[in-house]
Amino acid sequence: MARYQLIIEYVGTDFRGWQIQKKGSTIQGLIQEKLTKLLKEKIILNGSGRTDTGVHAIEQSGHFDTKNEIIDLTKFLKSINHFINDKGVSILAIKKRSLKFHARHSAKQRIYKYIIFNRFSRPSIENKKGWHIIKKLDVSLMKKGAKKLLGTNPSATF
C-alpha cells in the first residue's frame, strides 16, 4: 500500500463544493473518478477540508492510497491533468507520503481569502471570483468584525 499527497487548484464555480454529493459535480468526485480509471482500482480521495459550492482553491491538499506504487510521478501528473484541466481543476504536485500522513489531520494551517468588489460596475474579468457590492461599505466596522475571525479556528464563528 502506498499513499500519495496531491496539491490541488480549482475554480469551484461549476462545482457543488469539495465533498461528493448525491446530485451535482464535486471536486472530490471528479478527481476520485479519474484516479480510479488511471490506477485501475477503487480510489478514495481524502481532502484537507471541504469547500462550499462555488468556492475556489489555490493549494488544497488531498491524499489517496493505492495498491501499486506510482513509478513516474511526472508522467502521472501529466496524465491526471489531461483528464481534469478542461473542468477548471489542476493537480499542481504529487508526493509520495508515509501511511501516517493524512491530508486533514496533518495540515498545519488553512488560509481563507474573501474578495469583495465594492464598486458600481460588476467585475468582468474577475466576475466569479468575488462578491460584488455596490453599497458603500463601513470599513472600520468590517475590521472590527474581522478581528473575531482571528485565531486557530476562524470558521467556528460562522
N, C-alpha and C. Protein backbone atom coordinates (compact mmCIF):
# COMPACT_ATOMS: atom_id res chain seq x y z
N MET A 1 0.85 -1.18 0.00
CA MET A 1 0.00 0.00 0.00
C MET A 1 0.89 1.24 0.00
N ALA A 2 0.58 2.18 -0.88
CA ALA A 2 1.33 3.44 -0.96
C ALA A 2 0.35 4.60 -0.83
N ARG A 3 0.80 5.67 -0.19
CA ARG A 3 -0.03 6.87 0.00
C ARG A 3 0.61 8.03 -0.76
N TYR A 4 -0.24 8.81 -1.44
CA TYR A 4 0.22 9.95 -2.20
C TYR A 4 -0.58 11.20 -1.84
N GLN A 5 0.13 12.31 -1.75
CA GLN A 5 -0.49 13.60 -1.49
C GLN A 5 -0.60 14.35 -2.81
N LEU A 6 -1.74 14.99 -3.01
CA LEU A 6 -1.95 15.85 -4.16
C LEU A 6 -2.10 17.29 -3.67
N ILE A 7 -1.53 18.22 -4.41
CA ILE A 7 -1.76 19.65 -4.18
C ILE A 7 -2.66 20.09 -5.34
N ILE A 8 -3.85 20.58 -4.98
CA ILE A 8 -4.92 20.78 -5.96
C ILE A 8 -5.32 22.26 -6.04
N GLU A 9 -5.54 22.69 -7.28
CA GLU A 9 -6.02 24.05 -7.54
C GLU A 9 -7.30 23.92 -8.36
N TYR A 10 -8.29 24.73 -8.04
CA TYR A 10 -9.51 24.67 -8.85
C TYR A 10 -10.35 25.94 -8.77
N VAL A 11 -11.13 26.12 -9.84
CA VAL A 11 -12.15 27.15 -9.90
C VAL A 11 -13.45 26.41 -9.59
N GLY A 12 -14.05 26.74 -8.47
CA GLY A 12 -15.20 25.99 -8.00
C GLY A 12 -16.56 26.43 -8.52
N THR A 13 -16.57 27.37 -9.43
CA THR A 13 -17.82 27.95 -9.93
C THR A 13 -18.84 26.89 -10.36
N ASP A 14 -18.41 25.89 -11.09
CA ASP A 14 -19.33 24.89 -11.64
C ASP A 14 -19.44 23.63 -10.78
N PHE A 15 -18.95 23.69 -9.54
CA PHE A 15 -18.97 22.53 -8.66
C PHE A 15 -19.83 22.77 -7.43
N ARG A 16 -20.32 21.70 -6.85
CA ARG A 16 -21.14 21.75 -5.63
C ARG A 16 -20.25 21.62 -4.40
N GLY A 17 -19.02 22.12 -4.48
CA GLY A 17 -18.08 22.07 -3.37
C GLY A 17 -17.11 20.91 -3.52
N TRP A 18 -16.38 20.64 -2.44
CA TRP A 18 -15.38 19.58 -2.44
C TRP A 18 -16.01 18.20 -2.34
N GLN A 19 -16.79 17.98 -1.31
CA GLN A 19 -17.25 16.65 -0.93
C GLN A 19 -18.32 16.10 -1.89
N ILE A 20 -18.20 14.80 -2.18
CA ILE A 20 -19.15 14.12 -3.06
C ILE A 20 -20.57 14.31 -2.53
N GLN A 21 -21.48 14.67 -3.44
CA GLN A 21 -22.89 14.90 -3.13
C GLN A 21 -23.73 13.92 -3.95
N LYS A 22 -24.97 13.72 -3.54
CA LYS A 22 -25.87 12.85 -4.30
C LYS A 22 -26.17 13.44 -5.67
N LYS A 23 -26.26 14.77 -5.74
CA LYS A 23 -26.56 15.44 -7.01
C LYS A 23 -25.49 16.50 -7.27
N GLY A 24 -25.01 16.57 -8.49
CA GLY A 24 -24.07 17.60 -8.89
C GLY A 24 -22.62 17.17 -8.84
N SER A 25 -21.81 17.86 -9.62
CA SER A 25 -20.37 17.57 -9.70
C SER A 25 -19.63 18.17 -8.52
N THR A 26 -18.66 17.43 -8.01
CA THR A 26 -17.81 17.92 -6.92
C THR A 26 -16.34 17.70 -7.29
N ILE A 27 -15.47 18.43 -6.63
CA ILE A 27 -14.03 18.30 -6.88
C ILE A 27 -13.57 16.89 -6.49
N GLN A 28 -13.93 16.45 -5.30
CA GLN A 28 -13.54 15.11 -4.84
C GLN A 28 -14.03 14.04 -5.82
N GLY A 29 -15.27 14.16 -6.26
CA GLY A 29 -15.84 13.17 -7.17
C GLY A 29 -15.11 13.11 -8.49
N LEU A 30 -14.81 14.28 -9.06
CA LEU A 30 -14.10 14.33 -10.34
C LEU A 30 -12.72 13.69 -10.24
N ILE A 31 -11.93 14.12 -9.27
CA ILE A 31 -10.55 13.61 -9.15
C ILE A 31 -10.57 12.12 -8.80
N GLN A 32 -11.43 11.74 -7.89
CA GLN A 32 -11.52 10.34 -7.47
C GLN A 32 -11.87 9.43 -8.67
N GLU A 33 -12.80 9.88 -9.49
CA GLU A 33 -13.20 9.11 -10.69
C GLU A 33 -12.02 8.92 -11.63
N LYS A 34 -11.26 10.00 -11.88
CA LYS A 34 -10.13 9.92 -12.81
C LYS A 34 -8.99 9.10 -12.23
N LEU A 35 -8.74 9.20 -10.92
CA LEU A 35 -7.70 8.38 -10.28
C LEU A 35 -8.06 6.90 -10.38
N THR A 36 -9.33 6.59 -10.16
CA THR A 36 -9.81 5.20 -10.23
C THR A 36 -9.57 4.63 -11.63
N LYS A 37 -9.85 5.42 -12.66
CA LYS A 37 -9.63 4.96 -14.04
C LYS A 37 -8.15 4.79 -14.35
N LEU A 38 -7.34 5.77 -13.94
CA LEU A 38 -5.91 5.70 -14.23
C LEU A 38 -5.21 4.54 -13.51
N LEU A 39 -5.58 4.33 -12.25
CA LEU A 39 -4.91 3.32 -11.44
C LEU A 39 -5.58 1.94 -11.51
N LYS A 40 -6.75 1.90 -12.16
CA LYS A 40 -7.49 0.65 -12.36
C LYS A 40 -7.81 -0.06 -11.04
N GLU A 41 -8.18 0.76 -10.04
CA GLU A 41 -8.64 0.25 -8.75
C GLU A 41 -9.48 1.34 -8.10
N LYS A 42 -10.34 0.96 -7.17
CA LYS A 42 -11.21 1.92 -6.48
C LYS A 42 -10.34 2.81 -5.60
N ILE A 43 -10.40 4.12 -5.84
CA ILE A 43 -9.60 5.09 -5.09
C ILE A 43 -10.54 5.98 -4.28
N ILE A 44 -10.17 6.24 -3.03
CA ILE A 44 -10.87 7.19 -2.17
C ILE A 44 -9.92 8.36 -1.93
N LEU A 45 -10.36 9.56 -2.29
CA LEU A 45 -9.56 10.77 -2.11
C LEU A 45 -10.01 11.49 -0.85
N ASN A 46 -9.09 11.74 0.05
CA ASN A 46 -9.36 12.47 1.29
C ASN A 46 -8.82 13.89 1.14
N GLY A 47 -9.62 14.87 1.53
CA GLY A 47 -9.19 16.26 1.41
C GLY A 47 -8.81 16.86 2.75
N SER A 48 -8.08 17.96 2.68
CA SER A 48 -7.67 18.67 3.90
C SER A 48 -8.85 19.38 4.54
N GLY A 49 -9.89 19.57 3.77
CA GLY A 49 -11.10 20.22 4.27
C GLY A 49 -12.12 20.27 3.16
N ARG A 50 -13.30 20.74 3.49
CA ARG A 50 -14.36 20.83 2.48
C ARG A 50 -14.55 22.29 2.08
N THR A 51 -14.97 22.47 0.84
CA THR A 51 -15.33 23.82 0.40
C THR A 51 -16.80 23.79 -0.01
N ASP A 52 -17.43 24.95 0.04
CA ASP A 52 -18.82 25.07 -0.34
C ASP A 52 -18.96 25.23 -1.86
N THR A 53 -20.18 25.20 -2.32
CA THR A 53 -20.48 25.42 -3.73
C THR A 53 -19.86 26.73 -4.20
N GLY A 54 -19.18 26.68 -5.34
CA GLY A 54 -18.63 27.88 -5.95
C GLY A 54 -17.32 28.38 -5.39
N VAL A 55 -16.77 27.72 -4.38
CA VAL A 55 -15.53 28.18 -3.75
C VAL A 55 -14.33 27.65 -4.53
N HIS A 56 -13.32 28.50 -4.67
CA HIS A 56 -12.10 28.15 -5.39
C HIS A 56 -11.00 27.76 -4.39
N ALA A 57 -9.98 27.06 -4.89
CA ALA A 57 -8.84 26.71 -4.03
C ALA A 57 -7.54 26.93 -4.81
N ILE A 58 -6.53 27.39 -4.10
CA ILE A 58 -5.23 27.64 -4.71
C ILE A 58 -4.28 26.47 -4.45
N GLU A 59 -4.24 25.95 -3.24
CA GLU A 59 -3.36 24.82 -2.90
C GLU A 59 -4.02 23.92 -1.88
N GLN A 60 -5.12 23.29 -2.25
CA GLN A 60 -5.76 22.37 -1.31
C GLN A 60 -5.03 21.03 -1.35
N SER A 61 -4.85 20.46 -0.19
CA SER A 61 -4.15 19.18 -0.07
C SER A 61 -5.16 18.03 -0.03
N GLY A 62 -4.80 16.93 -0.65
CA GLY A 62 -5.60 15.72 -0.60
C GLY A 62 -4.67 14.52 -0.61
N HIS A 63 -5.17 13.37 -0.21
CA HIS A 63 -4.35 12.17 -0.30
C HIS A 63 -5.20 10.96 -0.67
N PHE A 64 -4.52 9.95 -1.23
CA PHE A 64 -5.18 8.70 -1.56
C PHE A 64 -4.19 7.55 -1.38
N ASP A 65 -4.74 6.38 -1.18
CA ASP A 65 -3.93 5.16 -1.07
C ASP A 65 -4.15 4.32 -2.31
N THR A 66 -3.10 3.62 -2.72
CA THR A 66 -3.18 2.73 -3.87
C THR A 66 -2.38 1.45 -3.59
N LYS A 67 -2.81 0.37 -4.20
CA LYS A 67 -2.12 -0.92 -4.01
C LYS A 67 -0.76 -0.92 -4.70
N ASN A 68 -0.64 -0.13 -5.74
CA ASN A 68 0.59 -0.11 -6.55
C ASN A 68 1.34 1.20 -6.41
N GLU A 69 2.65 1.12 -6.43
CA GLU A 69 3.47 2.32 -6.38
C GLU A 69 3.45 3.00 -7.74
N ILE A 70 3.38 4.31 -7.74
CA ILE A 70 3.43 5.08 -8.99
C ILE A 70 4.91 5.32 -9.27
N ILE A 71 5.39 4.75 -10.36
CA ILE A 71 6.83 4.81 -10.67
C ILE A 71 7.27 6.19 -11.17
N ASP A 72 6.54 6.75 -12.13
CA ASP A 72 6.91 8.03 -12.73
C ASP A 72 5.87 9.09 -12.33
N LEU A 73 6.17 9.85 -11.28
CA LEU A 73 5.22 10.84 -10.77
C LEU A 73 4.95 11.97 -11.77
N THR A 74 5.95 12.36 -12.53
CA THR A 74 5.77 13.42 -13.52
C THR A 74 4.82 12.97 -14.62
N LYS A 75 4.99 11.77 -15.10
CA LYS A 75 4.11 11.23 -16.13
C LYS A 75 2.68 11.09 -15.58
N PHE A 76 2.57 10.65 -14.34
CA PHE A 76 1.25 10.51 -13.72
C PHE A 76 0.56 11.86 -13.57
N LEU A 77 1.33 12.87 -13.18
CA LEU A 77 0.81 14.22 -13.03
C LEU A 77 0.26 14.74 -14.36
N LYS A 78 1.01 14.52 -15.43
CA LYS A 78 0.56 14.93 -16.76
C LYS A 78 -0.72 14.19 -17.16
N SER A 79 -0.77 12.91 -16.85
CA SER A 79 -1.94 12.09 -17.21
C SER A 79 -3.20 12.55 -16.49
N ILE A 80 -3.12 12.72 -15.18
CA ILE A 80 -4.31 13.11 -14.43
C ILE A 80 -4.78 14.51 -14.85
N ASN A 81 -3.84 15.42 -15.08
CA ASN A 81 -4.20 16.77 -15.51
C ASN A 81 -4.84 16.78 -16.89
N HIS A 82 -4.45 15.85 -17.75
CA HIS A 82 -5.05 15.75 -19.08
C HIS A 82 -6.57 15.55 -18.97
N PHE A 83 -7.00 14.82 -17.96
CA PHE A 83 -8.42 14.48 -17.81
C PHE A 83 -9.23 15.49 -16.99
N ILE A 84 -8.56 16.40 -16.28
CA ILE A 84 -9.31 17.31 -15.40
C ILE A 84 -9.12 18.79 -15.70
N ASN A 85 -8.08 19.15 -16.45
CA ASN A 85 -7.80 20.57 -16.69
C ASN A 85 -8.94 21.30 -17.39
N ASP A 86 -9.63 20.64 -18.29
CA ASP A 86 -10.72 21.31 -19.01
C ASP A 86 -11.93 21.58 -18.12
N LYS A 87 -11.93 21.04 -16.90
CA LYS A 87 -13.00 21.28 -15.93
C LYS A 87 -12.63 22.38 -14.94
N GLY A 88 -11.44 22.99 -15.12
CA GLY A 88 -11.01 24.05 -14.21
C GLY A 88 -10.32 23.52 -12.96
N VAL A 89 -9.78 22.30 -13.06
CA VAL A 89 -9.10 21.66 -11.92
C VAL A 89 -7.70 21.26 -12.36
N SER A 90 -6.71 21.50 -11.51
CA SER A 90 -5.33 21.12 -11.79
C SER A 90 -4.69 20.48 -10.56
N ILE A 91 -3.89 19.47 -10.80
CA ILE A 91 -3.05 18.91 -9.74
C ILE A 91 -1.69 19.56 -9.92
N LEU A 92 -1.28 20.36 -8.95
CA LEU A 92 -0.02 21.10 -9.04
C LEU A 92 1.18 20.24 -8.69
N ALA A 93 0.98 19.28 -7.79
CA ALA A 93 2.09 18.42 -7.35
C ALA A 93 1.53 17.11 -6.82
N ILE A 94 2.36 16.08 -6.90
CA ILE A 94 2.06 14.79 -6.29
C ILE A 94 3.32 14.34 -5.55
N LYS A 95 3.14 13.88 -4.31
CA LYS A 95 4.27 13.46 -3.49
C LYS A 95 3.93 12.14 -2.81
N LYS A 96 4.89 11.23 -2.77
CA LYS A 96 4.68 10.01 -2.02
C LYS A 96 4.85 10.34 -0.53
N ARG A 97 3.95 9.83 0.30
CA ARG A 97 3.97 10.11 1.74
C ARG A 97 3.94 8.81 2.53
N SER A 98 4.27 8.91 3.81
CA SER A 98 4.15 7.74 4.68
C SER A 98 2.67 7.51 4.97
N LEU A 99 2.34 6.32 5.41
CA LEU A 99 0.95 6.00 5.72
C LEU A 99 0.45 6.79 6.93
N LYS A 100 1.34 7.43 7.68
CA LYS A 100 0.94 8.26 8.82
C LYS A 100 0.39 9.62 8.37
N PHE A 101 0.74 10.04 7.15
CA PHE A 101 0.28 11.33 6.63
C PHE A 101 -1.22 11.28 6.38
N HIS A 102 -1.91 12.36 6.75
CA HIS A 102 -3.34 12.49 6.46
C HIS A 102 -3.59 13.94 6.05
N ALA A 103 -4.20 14.13 4.90
CA ALA A 103 -4.39 15.50 4.36
C ALA A 103 -5.07 16.43 5.36
N ARG A 104 -6.07 15.95 6.06
CA ARG A 104 -6.79 16.82 7.00
C ARG A 104 -6.05 16.95 8.32
N HIS A 105 -5.65 15.82 8.90
CA HIS A 105 -5.04 15.84 10.24
C HIS A 105 -3.59 16.36 10.23
N SER A 106 -2.91 16.24 9.10
CA SER A 106 -1.52 16.71 9.02
C SER A 106 -1.41 18.17 8.60
N ALA A 107 -2.51 18.79 8.24
CA ALA A 107 -2.49 20.19 7.80
C ALA A 107 -2.05 21.09 8.95
N LYS A 108 -1.15 22.01 8.66
CA LYS A 108 -0.65 22.93 9.68
C LYS A 108 -1.41 24.25 9.70
N GLN A 109 -1.99 24.61 8.56
CA GLN A 109 -2.76 25.85 8.52
C GLN A 109 -3.72 25.83 7.34
N ARG A 110 -4.69 26.70 7.44
CA ARG A 110 -5.64 26.93 6.35
C ARG A 110 -5.78 28.45 6.22
N ILE A 111 -5.72 28.92 5.01
CA ILE A 111 -5.83 30.35 4.78
C ILE A 111 -7.06 30.58 3.91
N TYR A 112 -7.92 31.50 4.33
CA TYR A 112 -9.12 31.84 3.60
C TYR A 112 -9.00 33.27 3.09
N LYS A 113 -9.40 33.49 1.86
CA LYS A 113 -9.32 34.81 1.26
C LYS A 113 -10.71 35.15 0.71
N TYR A 114 -11.27 36.25 1.20
CA TYR A 114 -12.58 36.69 0.76
C TYR A 114 -12.41 37.98 -0.04
N ILE A 115 -12.96 38.01 -1.23
CA ILE A 115 -12.81 39.17 -2.12
C ILE A 115 -14.15 39.86 -2.29
N ILE A 116 -14.16 41.17 -2.06
CA ILE A 116 -15.35 41.98 -2.26
C ILE A 116 -15.02 43.06 -3.28
N PHE A 117 -15.81 43.12 -4.33
CA PHE A 117 -15.68 44.18 -5.32
C PHE A 117 -16.67 45.26 -4.93
N ASN A 118 -16.18 46.32 -4.29
CA ASN A 118 -17.04 47.39 -3.80
C ASN A 118 -16.98 48.55 -4.80
N ARG A 119 -17.82 48.43 -5.80
CA ARG A 119 -17.88 49.45 -6.85
C ARG A 119 -19.22 49.35 -7.56
N PHE A 120 -19.52 50.36 -8.35
CA PHE A 120 -20.80 50.38 -9.06
C PHE A 120 -20.86 49.30 -10.13
N SER A 121 -19.82 49.20 -10.94
CA SER A 121 -19.81 48.26 -12.07
C SER A 121 -19.45 46.85 -11.63
N ARG A 122 -20.19 45.89 -12.15
CA ARG A 122 -19.90 44.48 -11.89
C ARG A 122 -18.56 44.13 -12.54
N PRO A 123 -17.72 43.35 -11.88
CA PRO A 123 -16.44 42.96 -12.49
C PRO A 123 -16.65 42.02 -13.68
N SER A 124 -15.85 42.19 -14.70
CA SER A 124 -15.93 41.31 -15.87
C SER A 124 -14.87 40.22 -15.82
N ILE A 125 -13.63 40.60 -15.66
CA ILE A 125 -12.54 39.63 -15.68
C ILE A 125 -12.57 38.75 -14.44
N GLU A 126 -12.80 39.32 -13.29
CA GLU A 126 -12.82 38.59 -12.03
C GLU A 126 -14.25 38.27 -11.58
N ASN A 127 -15.18 38.22 -12.52
CA ASN A 127 -16.60 38.11 -12.24
C ASN A 127 -16.98 37.04 -11.23
N LYS A 128 -16.42 35.86 -11.35
CA LYS A 128 -16.83 34.75 -10.49
C LYS A 128 -15.84 34.48 -9.36
N LYS A 129 -15.04 35.47 -9.05
CA LYS A 129 -14.03 35.27 -8.02
C LYS A 129 -14.21 36.18 -6.82
N GLY A 130 -15.38 36.72 -6.65
CA GLY A 130 -15.62 37.59 -5.51
C GLY A 130 -17.08 37.97 -5.40
N TRP A 131 -17.35 38.80 -4.43
CA TRP A 131 -18.70 39.24 -4.12
C TRP A 131 -18.82 40.70 -4.54
N HIS A 132 -19.78 41.00 -5.39
CA HIS A 132 -19.97 42.35 -5.89
C HIS A 132 -20.99 43.08 -5.02
N ILE A 133 -20.57 44.19 -4.42
CA ILE A 133 -21.45 45.00 -3.59
C ILE A 133 -21.35 46.45 -4.05
N ILE A 134 -22.47 47.04 -4.40
CA ILE A 134 -22.50 48.43 -4.88
C ILE A 134 -22.50 49.41 -3.71
N LYS A 135 -23.27 49.09 -2.66
CA LYS A 135 -23.43 49.97 -1.50
C LYS A 135 -22.08 50.26 -0.83
N LYS A 136 -21.89 51.50 -0.37
CA LYS A 136 -20.65 51.87 0.33
C LYS A 136 -20.53 51.04 1.61
N LEU A 137 -19.36 50.49 1.82
CA LEU A 137 -19.11 49.63 2.98
C LEU A 137 -18.50 50.43 4.13
N ASP A 138 -18.81 50.03 5.34
CA ASP A 138 -18.23 50.63 6.54
C ASP A 138 -16.98 49.81 6.89
N VAL A 139 -15.84 50.25 6.37
CA VAL A 139 -14.59 49.51 6.52
C VAL A 139 -14.18 49.36 7.99
N SER A 140 -14.38 50.39 8.78
CA SER A 140 -13.99 50.30 10.20
C SER A 140 -14.83 49.24 10.92
N LEU A 141 -16.10 49.14 10.61
CA LEU A 141 -16.95 48.10 11.19
C LEU A 141 -16.54 46.71 10.70
N MET A 142 -16.14 46.61 9.45
CA MET A 142 -15.68 45.34 8.89
C MET A 142 -14.39 44.88 9.57
N LYS A 143 -13.47 45.82 9.83
CA LYS A 143 -12.22 45.49 10.51
C LYS A 143 -12.50 45.00 11.93
N LYS A 144 -13.44 45.65 12.59
CA LYS A 144 -13.82 45.23 13.95
C LYS A 144 -14.38 43.80 13.93
N GLY A 145 -15.23 43.51 12.97
CA GLY A 145 -15.79 42.17 12.84
C GLY A 145 -14.75 41.14 12.45
N ALA A 146 -13.78 41.53 11.61
CA ALA A 146 -12.75 40.61 11.16
C ALA A 146 -11.85 40.16 12.32
N LYS A 147 -11.69 40.99 13.33
CA LYS A 147 -10.87 40.61 14.49
C LYS A 147 -11.42 39.37 15.17
N LYS A 148 -12.73 39.18 15.09
CA LYS A 148 -13.36 38.00 15.71
C LYS A 148 -13.01 36.72 14.96
N LEU A 149 -12.52 36.85 13.72
CA LEU A 149 -12.17 35.69 12.92
C LEU A 149 -10.73 35.21 13.16
N LEU A 150 -9.93 36.02 13.82
CA LEU A 150 -8.54 35.66 14.05
C LEU A 150 -8.46 34.52 15.07
N GLY A 151 -7.51 33.62 14.85
CA GLY A 151 -7.32 32.53 15.80
C GLY A 151 -7.07 31.22 15.09
N THR A 152 -7.21 30.15 15.84
CA THR A 152 -6.89 28.83 15.30
C THR A 152 -8.06 28.18 14.57
N ASN A 153 -9.27 28.70 14.74
CA ASN A 153 -10.43 28.10 14.07
C ASN A 153 -11.40 29.19 13.62
N PRO A 154 -11.01 29.98 12.58
CA PRO A 154 -11.85 31.11 12.19
C PRO A 154 -13.23 30.69 11.69
N SER A 155 -13.38 29.49 11.15
CA SER A 155 -14.70 29.08 10.65
C SER A 155 -15.70 28.83 11.76
N ALA A 156 -15.23 28.69 12.99
CA ALA A 156 -16.11 28.43 14.13
C ALA A 156 -17.07 29.60 14.38
N THR A 157 -16.66 30.81 13.97
CA THR A 157 -17.51 31.98 14.19
C THR A 157 -18.67 32.04 13.22
N PHE A 158 -18.63 31.26 12.17
CA PHE A 158 -19.74 31.25 11.20
C PHE A 158 -20.81 30.33 11.73
